[in-house]
Amino acid sequence: MEEEGTFVDRLPSELLLTIFLLVQLSDDDKTEDQNDEDSDSGGETPSLPAEVLVSHVSRYWRATALGAATLWRTMRISVESPFDKLQAYVARSGALVPLHFQVDLRHSAGAKHDINVETTRMKLDMVFAERERWQRMRIHTHRECADFPLFTRLYELGAAPLLERLVLCVDDVDANSLATAHLRSDDLEQILTSGCPKLRVLRLRGLSTHFFRPSLKTVTTLYIEQTRGLFLGFAGFRGLLTSAPQLTHLSVHDTLVDDTEEEWPLHIPAVFSSIPMPRLTSLRLALLGSGQPLESGILLALSAPRLAALVVKNPTYAGLTPFATSPGSASKYPLLRSLTFCEYDYNSAERLRPLAEALPGVTHFTRLTSSYSEPSVLLMLAGAWVDIGHRKTMAGDSDSGSELWVELHTINTTLDICDLPLLRRAVERRIRVGFPLRVVRLPQAVFDEADEEDEEDMVYLRENLQVFEPLRAMERWPPGEEHDPEDNLFT
């Protein structure tokens, strides 16, 4: 019910608009899966976008919403979305506000496949006509078809002078489109060749990595993901990275090489540090489907002296050992402070030890795994890495001599409640050797399940750690960046 003169209708329009934008931002933070659940929730009415909801509360709210061009800058185009809705958003966004487009031509699971081709073409024409106002563009499609081009339109498109973030995801390309794409397959710059001088964030997923690449000269954050059976190979990977001189954050979720066709040049001296990445500060790797030690291959090939954070998902012991045991590895990444393993543990302190020696400056260690085995990092910190022969040389004192990860002060780890005594031993020993831990975060279940038998350990940990709290979520990547709903392959 509309009640003119209520408190909210006396709020200044500037403050009201700020609230609207915050609500919209919260709505945009949803993942695609959450949005799909909202729209397919058992026949219920799909949730409306925040900007539409607030414009139907009162005349004052509506006037404020319709008068704010920035509130209508984000436009979602799908097979089912109405053309008149896109027209309304473009009109309400004015003529000067930079635009955010999300084009998703994939069919939802329950959608009919008899799309109105002409209407969809009209929507795409309107999107591409606003090219000079693109600030963020996200394009998804299952298949690029010559009779209904989407990605190939980017080949001949003019400059996108305001474009800052670009997401390109395509799973397949038909034969005719593939013939067109192959003509540019050897070019480093394949799309938007007239220029996108402000492009900073680029996500290449599926075949876009091979056939729909813009210039990488200004890109600072690059995602290479799921190249769908086509392999970059070492030469292609190196060529891609060396064309991005400003690259600061790199995420690779891919196979990269075909084991039957190519061997990664792991032991060739000329390859060592042959990929110059002078600005790179954070690196994520999930190198799935290969039997080769690609994690080590990349770490050895990169020259990235400013690298500060490394995330590795689903590695193998064999995948990391060549780097850990390589001569000079301990000085290769002198600024690396944060190390994260996803779905992996070394299973023993002795196995973890070489990597700890190769990355000696780690201050933050995170282990996220569904395994209930004892965390090898706690075994190491509790002194299990000190073998019998080493103990004898230390006159019976297992806590003297050299210590691993002397700067380590923060641990985030999955942990079973039965491993609390091990955690306590690790904390006690680090205090004893003069390198105390300060922050430990564990799953909420550990705090919920702790009973009287665990009370003594819990009290000790609370008293001897500056922070002892539940592990809420994996840190956003890149560190400090805004939430990206597309970033769902590592979580």
Protein backbone atom coordinates (compact mmCIF):
# COMPACT_ATOMS: atom_id res chain seq x y z
CA MET A 1 0.00 0.00 0.00
CA GLU A 2 1.33 3.42 -0.95
CA GLU A 3 1.61 5.87 1.92
CA GLU A 4 2.91 9.27 0.83
CA GLY A 5 4.67 11.13 3.62
CA THR A 6 6.09 8.10 5.42
CA PHE A 7 9.65 8.20 6.76
CA VAL A 8 11.16 6.51 3.70
CA ASP A 9 9.45 9.04 1.44
CA ARG A 10 11.18 11.84 3.32
CA LEU A 11 14.66 10.45 2.69
CA PRO A 12 16.74 12.62 0.36
CA SER A 13 16.75 11.18 -3.14
CA GLU A 14 20.58 10.92 -3.11
CA LEU A 15 20.48 8.71 0.01
CA LEU A 16 17.60 6.66 -1.37
CA LEU A 17 19.52 6.06 -4.60
CA THR A 18 22.56 4.92 -2.62
CA ILE A 19 20.37 2.36 -0.86
CA PHE A 20 18.93 1.22 -4.19
CA LEU A 21 22.43 0.70 -5.61
CA LEU A 22 23.53 -1.30 -2.55
CA VAL A 23 20.49 -3.56 -2.86
CA GLN A 24 21.24 -4.00 -6.54
CA LEU A 25 24.87 -4.84 -5.79
CA SER A 26 23.77 -7.50 -3.30
CA ASP A 27 21.46 -8.93 -5.96
CA ASP A 28 24.28 -8.99 -8.51
CA ASP A 29 26.51 -10.93 -6.06
CA LYS A 30 24.35 -14.01 -6.54
CA THR A 31 25.95 -16.83 -8.48
CA GLU A 32 24.37 -18.04 -11.70
CA ASP A 33 23.17 -21.19 -9.92
CA GLN A 34 21.36 -19.10 -7.31
CA ASN A 35 19.70 -17.03 -10.01
CA ASP A 36 18.64 -20.22 -11.79
CA GLU A 37 17.13 -21.54 -8.55
CA ASP A 38 15.17 -18.31 -8.13
CA SER A 39 13.79 -18.47 -11.65
CA ASP A 40 13.01 -22.23 -11.59
CA SER A 41 11.63 -22.52 -8.08
CA GLY A 42 8.82 -24.97 -8.55
CA GLY A 43 6.56 -22.77 -10.63
CA GLU A 44 6.75 -19.77 -8.33
CA THR A 45 7.03 -16.28 -9.78
CA PRO A 46 10.70 -15.54 -10.59
CA SER A 47 12.28 -12.88 -8.40
CA LEU A 48 12.36 -9.44 -10.01
CA PRO A 49 15.57 -7.40 -10.35
CA ALA A 50 16.20 -4.93 -7.55
CA GLU A 51 15.78 -1.90 -9.83
CA VAL A 52 12.30 -3.07 -10.86
CA LEU A 53 11.21 -3.88 -7.31
CA VAL A 54 12.17 -0.49 -5.89
CA SER A 55 10.45 1.33 -8.76
CA HIS A 56 7.09 -0.21 -7.76
CA VAL A 57 6.97 0.81 -4.09
CA SER A 58 5.70 4.39 -4.26
CA ARG A 59 5.54 7.33 -6.62
CA TYR A 60 8.56 8.92 -4.91
CA TRP A 61 10.62 5.74 -5.12
CA ARG A 62 9.64 5.26 -8.74
CA ALA A 63 10.57 8.80 -9.69
CA THR A 64 13.93 8.40 -7.92
CA ALA A 65 14.61 5.06 -9.62
CA LEU A 66 13.60 6.14 -13.12
CA GLY A 67 15.65 9.32 -12.80
CA ALA A 68 18.84 7.41 -11.97
CA ALA A 69 20.52 6.25 -15.20
CA THR A 70 23.13 4.18 -13.32
CA LEU A 71 20.40 1.98 -11.82
CA TRP A 72 19.51 0.70 -15.30
CA ARG A 73 23.02 0.20 -16.67
CA THR A 74 23.09 -3.60 -16.15
CA MET A 75 21.17 -5.44 -18.85
CA ARG A 76 20.63 -9.20 -18.96
CA ILE A 77 19.81 -10.63 -22.38
CA SER A 78 18.71 -14.25 -22.75
CA VAL A 79 16.75 -16.32 -25.23
CA GLU A 80 13.59 -15.71 -23.22
CA SER A 81 14.09 -12.04 -22.21
CA PRO A 82 11.61 -9.59 -23.81
CA PHE A 83 12.88 -7.17 -26.41
CA ASP A 84 10.83 -4.30 -24.97
CA LYS A 85 12.55 -4.78 -21.60
CA LEU A 86 15.94 -4.23 -23.25
CA GLN A 87 14.58 -1.16 -25.02
CA ALA A 88 13.30 0.25 -21.70
CA TYR A 89 16.64 -0.32 -19.94
CA VAL A 90 18.62 1.32 -22.76
CA ALA A 91 16.29 4.32 -22.71
CA ARG A 92 16.42 4.68 -18.92
CA SER A 93 20.23 4.44 -18.90
CA GLY A 94 20.44 7.72 -20.77
CA ALA A 95 23.09 8.49 -23.34
CA LEU A 96 26.27 8.83 -21.29
CA VAL A 97 26.32 6.12 -18.60
CA PRO A 98 28.72 3.20 -19.36
CA LEU A 99 26.76 -0.06 -19.74
CA HIS A 100 27.09 -3.59 -18.34
CA PHE A 101 25.72 -6.32 -20.61
CA GLN A 102 25.20 -9.99 -19.71
CA VAL A 103 24.34 -11.95 -22.85
CA ASP A 104 23.47 -15.58 -22.15
CA LEU A 105 22.02 -17.52 -25.07
CA ARG A 106 22.27 -20.91 -23.38
CA HIS A 107 18.94 -22.64 -22.84
CA SER A 108 17.96 -23.30 -19.24
CA ALA A 109 17.20 -26.94 -18.40
CA GLY A 110 13.41 -26.52 -18.66
CA ALA A 111 13.31 -24.02 -21.51
CA LYS A 112 11.78 -24.69 -24.88
CA HIS A 113 14.23 -24.74 -27.77
CA ASP A 114 11.98 -23.03 -30.33
CA ILE A 115 13.46 -19.55 -29.88
CA ASN A 116 12.35 -16.55 -31.86
CA VAL A 117 15.47 -16.07 -33.96
CA GLU A 118 14.45 -12.70 -35.35
CA THR A 119 13.65 -11.23 -31.93
CA THR A 120 16.92 -12.52 -30.51
CA ARG A 121 18.77 -11.05 -33.47
CA MET A 122 17.13 -7.66 -32.79
CA LYS A 123 18.26 -7.81 -29.16
CA LEU A 124 21.83 -8.56 -30.21
CA ASP A 125 21.75 -5.74 -32.77
CA MET A 126 20.78 -3.34 -30.00
CA VAL A 127 23.56 -4.63 -27.73
CA PHE A 128 26.23 -4.28 -30.43
CA ALA A 129 24.93 -0.84 -31.40
CA GLU A 130 25.90 0.34 -27.89
CA ARG A 131 29.50 -0.88 -28.33
CA GLU A 132 31.03 2.51 -27.53
CA ARG A 133 29.30 2.46 -24.11
CA TRP A 134 30.31 -1.08 -23.14
CA GLN A 135 32.07 -1.07 -19.79
CA ARG A 136 31.44 -4.70 -18.86
CA MET A 137 30.47 -7.43 -21.30
CA ARG A 138 29.72 -11.07 -20.59
CA ILE A 139 28.78 -13.46 -23.41
CA HIS A 140 27.75 -17.10 -22.98
CA THR A 141 26.60 -19.53 -25.64
CA HIS A 142 26.78 -23.29 -26.07
CA ARG A 143 27.51 -23.14 -29.81
CA GLU A 144 28.57 -20.47 -32.29
CA CYS A 145 26.64 -20.90 -35.53
CA ALA A 146 27.28 -19.18 -38.85
CA ASP A 147 23.56 -18.62 -39.48
CA PHE A 148 23.19 -16.96 -36.09
CA PRO A 149 26.57 -15.29 -35.35
CA LEU A 150 27.40 -13.93 -31.94
CA PHE A 151 31.11 -14.28 -31.23
CA THR A 152 32.17 -13.91 -34.85
CA ARG A 153 30.50 -10.48 -34.89
CA LEU A 154 33.34 -9.39 -32.62
CA TYR A 155 35.83 -9.88 -35.48
CA GLU A 156 34.65 -6.86 -37.45
CA LEU A 157 33.41 -4.75 -34.55
CA GLY A 158 34.83 -1.27 -34.07
CA ALA A 159 36.59 0.01 -30.96
CA ALA A 160 35.18 -0.45 -27.46
CA PRO A 161 36.83 2.56 -25.78
CA LEU A 162 35.23 2.13 -22.32
CA LEU A 163 35.42 -1.68 -22.01
CA GLU A 164 37.06 -2.75 -18.74
CA ARG A 165 35.83 -6.31 -18.08
CA LEU A 166 35.18 -8.96 -20.73
CA VAL A 167 33.94 -12.54 -20.22
CA LEU A 168 33.73 -14.83 -23.27
CA CYS A 169 32.41 -18.38 -22.87
CA VAL A 170 31.65 -20.63 -25.85
CA ASP A 171 31.65 -24.43 -25.81
CA ASP A 172 31.45 -25.29 -29.50
CA VAL A 173 31.74 -23.78 -32.99
CA ASP A 174 30.03 -25.10 -36.13
CA ALA A 175 32.02 -25.93 -39.26
CA ASN A 176 31.38 -22.66 -41.11
CA SER A 177 32.21 -20.51 -38.09
CA LEU A 178 35.27 -22.65 -37.45
CA ALA A 179 36.52 -21.97 -40.98
CA THR A 180 36.22 -18.23 -40.30
CA ALA A 181 37.88 -18.57 -36.90
CA HIS A 182 40.82 -20.58 -38.28
CA LEU A 183 41.75 -17.65 -40.52
CA ARG A 184 42.65 -15.75 -37.33
CA SER A 185 43.79 -18.62 -35.12
CA ASP A 186 47.46 -17.63 -35.32
CA ASP A 187 46.79 -13.97 -34.48
CA LEU A 188 47.34 -12.87 -30.89
CA GLU A 189 44.67 -10.18 -31.39
CA GLN A 190 41.60 -11.73 -32.99
CA ILE A 191 38.61 -9.60 -31.90
CA LEU A 192 38.03 -5.93 -31.17
CA THR A 193 41.14 -5.15 -33.19
CA SER A 194 40.16 -1.48 -33.44
CA GLY A 195 41.00 -1.24 -29.76
CA CYS A 196 39.81 -1.64 -26.17
CA PRO A 197 42.41 0.49 -24.37
CA LYS A 198 40.83 0.20 -20.90
CA LEU A 199 40.43 -3.59 -20.81
CA ARG A 200 41.71 -4.84 -17.46
CA VAL A 201 39.88 -8.11 -16.66
CA LEU A 202 39.52 -10.87 -19.26
CA ARG A 203 37.99 -14.34 -18.84
CA LEU A 204 38.50 -16.74 -21.75
CA ARG A 205 36.50 -19.94 -21.26
CA GLY A 206 36.09 -22.76 -23.74
CA LEU A 207 36.99 -22.11 -27.35
CA SER A 208 37.27 -18.35 -26.88
CA THR A 209 40.84 -18.99 -25.69
CA HIS A 210 41.73 -20.14 -29.20
CA PHE A 211 39.50 -18.13 -31.54
CA PHE A 212 38.13 -15.00 -29.83
CA ARG A 213 40.98 -13.19 -28.09
CA PRO A 214 41.20 -9.40 -27.81
CA SER A 215 44.44 -7.55 -27.28
CA LEU A 216 46.02 -8.44 -23.93
CA LYS A 217 48.30 -5.40 -23.80
CA THR A 218 46.36 -3.70 -20.99
CA VAL A 219 44.97 -6.80 -19.23
CA THR A 220 45.89 -7.10 -15.55
CA THR A 221 43.70 -10.11 -14.61
CA LEU A 222 43.47 -13.09 -16.98
CA TYR A 223 41.45 -16.30 -16.64
CA ILE A 224 42.20 -19.23 -18.99
CA GLU A 225 39.56 -21.91 -18.49
CA GLN A 226 38.32 -25.20 -19.94
CA THR A 227 39.54 -25.04 -23.51
CA ARG A 228 37.27 -27.93 -24.55
CA GLY A 229 39.68 -30.45 -26.02
CA LEU A 230 41.91 -27.99 -27.86
CA PHE A 231 45.28 -27.60 -26.22
CA LEU A 232 47.35 -24.44 -25.96
CA GLY A 233 50.60 -26.33 -25.54
CA PHE A 234 53.70 -24.75 -24.07
CA ALA A 235 54.35 -22.43 -27.03
CA GLY A 236 50.76 -21.18 -27.11
CA PHE A 237 50.71 -20.68 -23.34
CA ARG A 238 53.97 -18.74 -23.38
CA GLY A 239 52.84 -16.65 -26.36
CA LEU A 240 49.59 -15.74 -24.62
CA LEU A 241 51.30 -14.63 -21.41
CA THR A 242 54.10 -12.70 -23.05
CA SER A 243 51.48 -10.66 -24.94
CA ALA A 244 50.15 -9.41 -21.57
CA PRO A 245 52.95 -7.23 -20.14
CA GLN A 246 50.68 -5.68 -17.46
CA LEU A 247 49.46 -9.04 -16.12
CA THR A 248 49.15 -8.99 -12.33
CA HIS A 249 46.75 -11.90 -11.64
CA LEU A 250 46.68 -15.17 -13.61
CA SER A 251 44.21 -18.04 -13.18
CA VAL A 252 44.56 -21.24 -15.21
CA HIS A 253 41.91 -23.97 -15.02
CA ASP A 254 42.80 -26.14 -17.98
CA THR A 255 44.66 -29.18 -19.29
CA LEU A 256 47.04 -27.13 -21.50
CA VAL A 257 48.76 -30.09 -23.20
CA ASP A 258 47.80 -33.35 -24.87
CA ASP A 259 49.97 -35.97 -23.18
CA THR A 260 49.96 -38.12 -26.33
CA GLU A 261 51.22 -35.29 -28.53
CA GLU A 262 53.45 -33.03 -26.43
CA GLU A 263 55.80 -33.25 -23.49
CA TRP A 264 56.07 -30.08 -21.41
CA PRO A 265 59.72 -28.92 -21.64
CA LEU A 266 60.38 -29.36 -17.94
CA HIS A 267 64.08 -30.17 -18.03
CA ILE A 268 65.26 -27.89 -20.84
CA PRO A 269 67.48 -25.16 -19.30
CA ALA A 270 66.43 -22.55 -21.89
CA VAL A 271 62.81 -22.84 -20.70
CA PHE A 272 63.64 -22.05 -17.08
CA SER A 273 62.30 -18.54 -16.30
CA SER A 274 61.58 -18.02 -20.02
CA ILE A 275 58.15 -16.42 -19.48
CA PRO A 276 58.73 -12.92 -18.07
CA MET A 277 55.91 -11.83 -15.75
CA PRO A 278 57.44 -8.85 -13.94
CA ARG A 279 54.12 -7.61 -12.48
CA LEU A 280 52.53 -10.95 -11.53
CA THR A 281 51.54 -11.04 -7.85
CA SER A 282 48.94 -13.85 -7.66
CA LEU A 283 48.64 -17.17 -9.48
CA ARG A 284 45.98 -19.90 -9.44
CA LEU A 285 46.48 -23.31 -11.03
CA ALA A 286 44.09 -26.23 -11.61
CA LEU A 287 45.81 -28.31 -14.26
CA LEU A 288 43.42 -31.21 -14.69
CA GLY A 289 43.59 -34.27 -16.90
CA SER A 290 47.33 -34.43 -17.54
CA GLY A 291 49.80 -36.96 -16.22
CA GLN A 292 52.66 -34.49 -16.55
CA PRO A 293 53.95 -32.32 -13.68
CA LEU A 294 52.47 -29.14 -15.17
CA GLU A 295 52.38 -27.29 -11.85
CA SER A 296 56.15 -27.56 -11.63
CA GLY A 297 56.48 -26.84 -15.34
CA ILE A 298 54.69 -23.50 -14.98
CA LEU A 299 56.40 -22.51 -11.73
CA LEU A 300 59.81 -23.20 -13.26
CA ALA A 301 59.02 -21.48 -16.59
CA LEU A 302 57.68 -18.26 -15.07
CA SER A 303 59.93 -15.39 -14.13
CA ALA A 304 57.73 -13.63 -11.59
CA PRO A 305 59.86 -12.17 -8.79
CA ARG A 306 56.87 -10.26 -7.31
CA LEU A 307 54.61 -13.32 -6.94
CA ALA A 308 53.02 -13.10 -3.49
CA ALA A 309 50.11 -15.59 -3.55
CA LEU A 310 49.79 -19.09 -5.02
CA VAL A 311 46.62 -21.23 -5.13
CA VAL A 312 46.83 -24.83 -6.40
CA LYS A 313 43.80 -27.09 -6.85
CA ASN A 314 43.95 -30.87 -7.21
CA PRO A 315 47.71 -31.12 -7.69
CA THR A 316 49.65 -34.33 -7.22
CA TYR A 317 52.80 -35.00 -5.28
CA ALA A 318 54.53 -35.70 -8.60
CA GLY A 319 53.17 -32.44 -9.99
CA LEU A 320 54.89 -30.25 -7.39
CA THR A 321 58.01 -32.23 -6.54
CA PRO A 322 60.14 -31.24 -9.59
CA PHE A 323 59.78 -27.59 -8.64
CA ALA A 324 60.32 -28.23 -4.92
CA THR A 325 63.54 -30.14 -5.55
CA SER A 326 64.87 -27.94 -8.36
CA PRO A 327 68.16 -26.14 -7.60
CA GLY A 328 67.50 -22.48 -6.91
CA SER A 329 63.79 -22.89 -6.22
CA ALA A 330 64.17 -21.37 -2.73
CA SER A 331 65.17 -18.02 -4.27
CA LYS A 332 62.83 -18.06 -7.27
CA TYR A 333 59.81 -16.51 -5.52
CA PRO A 334 61.27 -14.43 -2.68
CA LEU A 335 58.04 -12.46 -2.02
CA LEU A 336 55.62 -15.38 -1.94
CA ARG A 337 53.71 -15.18 1.35
CA SER A 338 50.34 -16.90 0.78
CA LEU A 339 49.97 -20.57 -0.20
CA THR A 340 46.62 -22.35 -0.68
CA PHE A 341 45.88 -25.99 -1.50
CA CYS A 342 42.36 -26.98 -2.63
CA GLU A 343 41.42 -30.66 -2.42
CA TYR A 344 44.96 -31.75 -1.73
CA ASP A 345 47.24 -32.59 1.15
CA TYR A 346 50.77 -33.94 1.17
CA ASN A 347 49.70 -36.74 3.56
CA SER A 348 52.91 -36.50 5.53
CA ALA A 349 55.19 -33.87 6.99
CA GLU A 350 58.20 -35.39 5.26
CA ARG A 351 56.54 -34.97 1.86
CA LEU A 352 55.59 -31.36 2.58
CA ARG A 353 59.06 -30.47 3.77
CA PRO A 354 60.72 -29.95 0.30
CA LEU A 355 58.01 -27.49 -0.75
CA ALA A 356 58.33 -25.64 2.56
CA GLU A 357 62.04 -25.33 1.87
CA ALA A 358 61.40 -24.18 -1.72
CA LEU A 359 58.93 -21.48 -0.55
CA PRO A 360 60.52 -20.40 2.73
CA GLY A 361 58.74 -17.05 3.14
CA VAL A 362 55.16 -18.33 3.53
CA THR A 363 53.21 -16.44 6.21
CA HIS A 364 49.66 -17.60 5.37
CA PHE A 365 48.80 -21.24 4.64
CA THR A 366 45.33 -22.45 3.64
CA ARG A 367 44.24 -26.07 3.17
CA LEU A 368 40.72 -26.77 1.92
CA THR A 369 39.96 -30.45 1.44
CA SER A 370 37.18 -32.93 2.10
CA SER A 371 39.74 -35.40 3.47
CA TYR A 372 39.64 -36.22 7.18
CA SER A 373 43.35 -37.13 7.36
CA GLU A 374 45.64 -35.27 9.72
CA PRO A 375 46.76 -32.01 8.08
CA SER A 376 50.37 -32.46 7.05
CA VAL A 377 51.09 -28.81 7.86
CA LEU A 378 50.21 -29.43 11.50
CA LEU A 379 52.34 -32.56 11.57
CA MET A 380 55.21 -30.49 10.19
CA LEU A 381 54.72 -27.67 12.67
CA ALA A 382 54.50 -30.20 15.49
CA GLY A 383 57.99 -31.42 14.56
CA ALA A 384 57.21 -34.61 12.65
CA TRP A 385 59.46 -33.48 9.77
CA VAL A 386 62.55 -33.92 11.96
CA ASP A 387 63.80 -37.40 11.08
CA ILE A 388 65.72 -39.60 13.50
CA GLY A 389 69.10 -38.88 11.94
CA HIS A 390 68.51 -35.14 12.13
CA ARG A 391 67.49 -35.39 15.79
CA LYS A 392 70.72 -37.14 16.68
CA THR A 393 72.76 -34.28 15.19
CA MET A 394 70.79 -31.87 17.39
CA ALA A 395 71.97 -33.47 20.67
CA GLY A 396 68.57 -34.88 21.46
CA ASP A 397 66.73 -31.56 21.19
CA SER A 398 64.16 -31.90 18.40
CA ASP A 399 63.23 -28.22 18.68
CA SER A 400 66.65 -26.74 18.00
CA GLY A 401 68.34 -26.19 14.67
CA SER A 402 66.65 -24.94 11.53
CA GLU A 403 62.87 -24.46 11.45
CA LEU A 404 60.55 -24.54 8.43
CA TRP A 405 58.31 -21.59 7.57
CA VAL A 406 59.69 -19.42 10.33
CA GLU A 407 57.47 -16.50 9.25
CA LEU A 408 54.24 -18.52 9.18
CA HIS A 409 51.64 -16.98 11.49
CA THR A 410 48.24 -17.77 9.92
CA ILE A 411 46.68 -21.16 9.16
CA ASN A 412 43.25 -21.77 7.64
CA THR A 413 42.50 -25.48 7.42
CA THR A 414 39.79 -28.07 7.30
CA LEU A 415 40.18 -30.28 10.35
CA ASP A 416 38.46 -33.13 12.13
CA ILE A 417 37.62 -32.61 15.80
CA CYS A 418 39.87 -35.53 16.74
CA ASP A 419 42.89 -33.56 15.45
CA LEU A 420 42.58 -30.77 18.03
CA PRO A 421 45.39 -32.29 20.18
CA LEU A 422 47.67 -32.21 17.10
CA LEU A 423 46.83 -28.55 16.54
CA ARG A 424 47.63 -27.82 20.16
CA ARG A 425 51.00 -29.59 19.90
CA ALA A 426 51.82 -27.52 16.81
CA VAL A 427 50.92 -24.26 18.59
CA GLU A 428 52.89 -25.28 21.70
CA ARG A 429 55.97 -26.20 19.71
CA ARG A 430 55.97 -23.02 17.63
CA ILE A 431 55.84 -20.98 20.84
CA ARG A 432 58.70 -23.04 22.24
CA VAL A 433 60.97 -22.56 19.20
CA GLY A 434 60.23 -18.82 19.04
CA PHE A 435 58.00 -18.67 15.94
CA PRO A 436 54.46 -18.55 17.38
CA LEU A 437 51.31 -18.89 15.34
CA ARG A 438 48.90 -15.99 15.70
CA VAL A 439 45.79 -16.88 13.67
CA VAL A 440 44.05 -20.25 13.22
CA ARG A 441 40.71 -20.69 11.45
CA LEU A 442 38.90 -24.02 11.44
CA PRO A 443 35.54 -25.23 10.07
CA GLN A 444 32.48 -24.16 12.06
CA ALA A 445 31.75 -27.85 12.74
CA VAL A 446 34.84 -28.09 14.96
CA PHE A 447 33.51 -25.37 17.24
CA ASP A 448 30.03 -26.88 17.18
CA GLU A 449 31.18 -30.43 17.96
CA ALA A 450 33.69 -29.58 20.70
CA ASP A 451 32.56 -31.13 24.00
CA GLU A 452 33.95 -31.49 27.53
CA GLU A 453 36.77 -33.76 26.37
CA ASP A 454 37.96 -31.03 24.00
CA GLU A 455 37.53 -28.14 26.42
CA GLU A 456 41.12 -28.08 27.68
CA ASP A 457 42.52 -27.91 24.14
CA MET A 458 39.97 -25.25 23.10
CA VAL A 459 40.80 -23.08 26.12
CA TYR A 460 44.53 -23.39 25.44
CA LEU A 461 44.10 -22.40 21.80
CA ARG A 462 41.93 -19.40 22.66
CA GLU A 463 44.47 -18.21 25.23
CA ASN A 464 47.57 -18.68 23.06
CA LEU A 465 46.32 -17.47 19.69
CA GLN A 466 45.42 -13.89 18.84
CA VAL A 467 42.61 -15.15 16.57
CA PHE A 468 40.93 -18.55 16.88
CA GLU A 469 37.70 -18.54 14.90
CA PRO A 470 35.57 -20.36 12.30
CA LEU A 471 36.72 -20.45 8.68
CA ARG A 472 33.90 -18.70 6.87
CA ALA A 473 34.82 -18.90 3.21
CA MET A 474 37.72 -19.01 0.79
CA GLU A 475 39.23 -15.59 0.22
CA ARG A 476 38.08 -13.84 -2.91
CA TRP A 477 40.44 -13.98 -5.85
CA PRO A 478 42.23 -11.83 -6.77
CA PRO A 479 42.74 -10.68 -3.19
CA GLY A 480 40.75 -7.56 -2.42
CA GLU A 481 38.79 -7.60 -5.70
CA GLU A 482 35.00 -7.38 -5.94
CA HIS A 483 32.91 -10.55 -5.99
CA ASP A 484 32.67 -12.20 -9.42
CA PRO A 485 29.76 -14.70 -9.79
CA GLU A 486 31.59 -16.27 -12.74
CA ASP A 487 34.48 -17.32 -10.52
CA ASN A 488 33.14 -20.72 -9.53
CA LEU A 489 35.71 -23.26 -10.75
CA PHE A 490 38.01 -23.06 -7.70
CA THR A 491 35.30 -22.95 -5.00
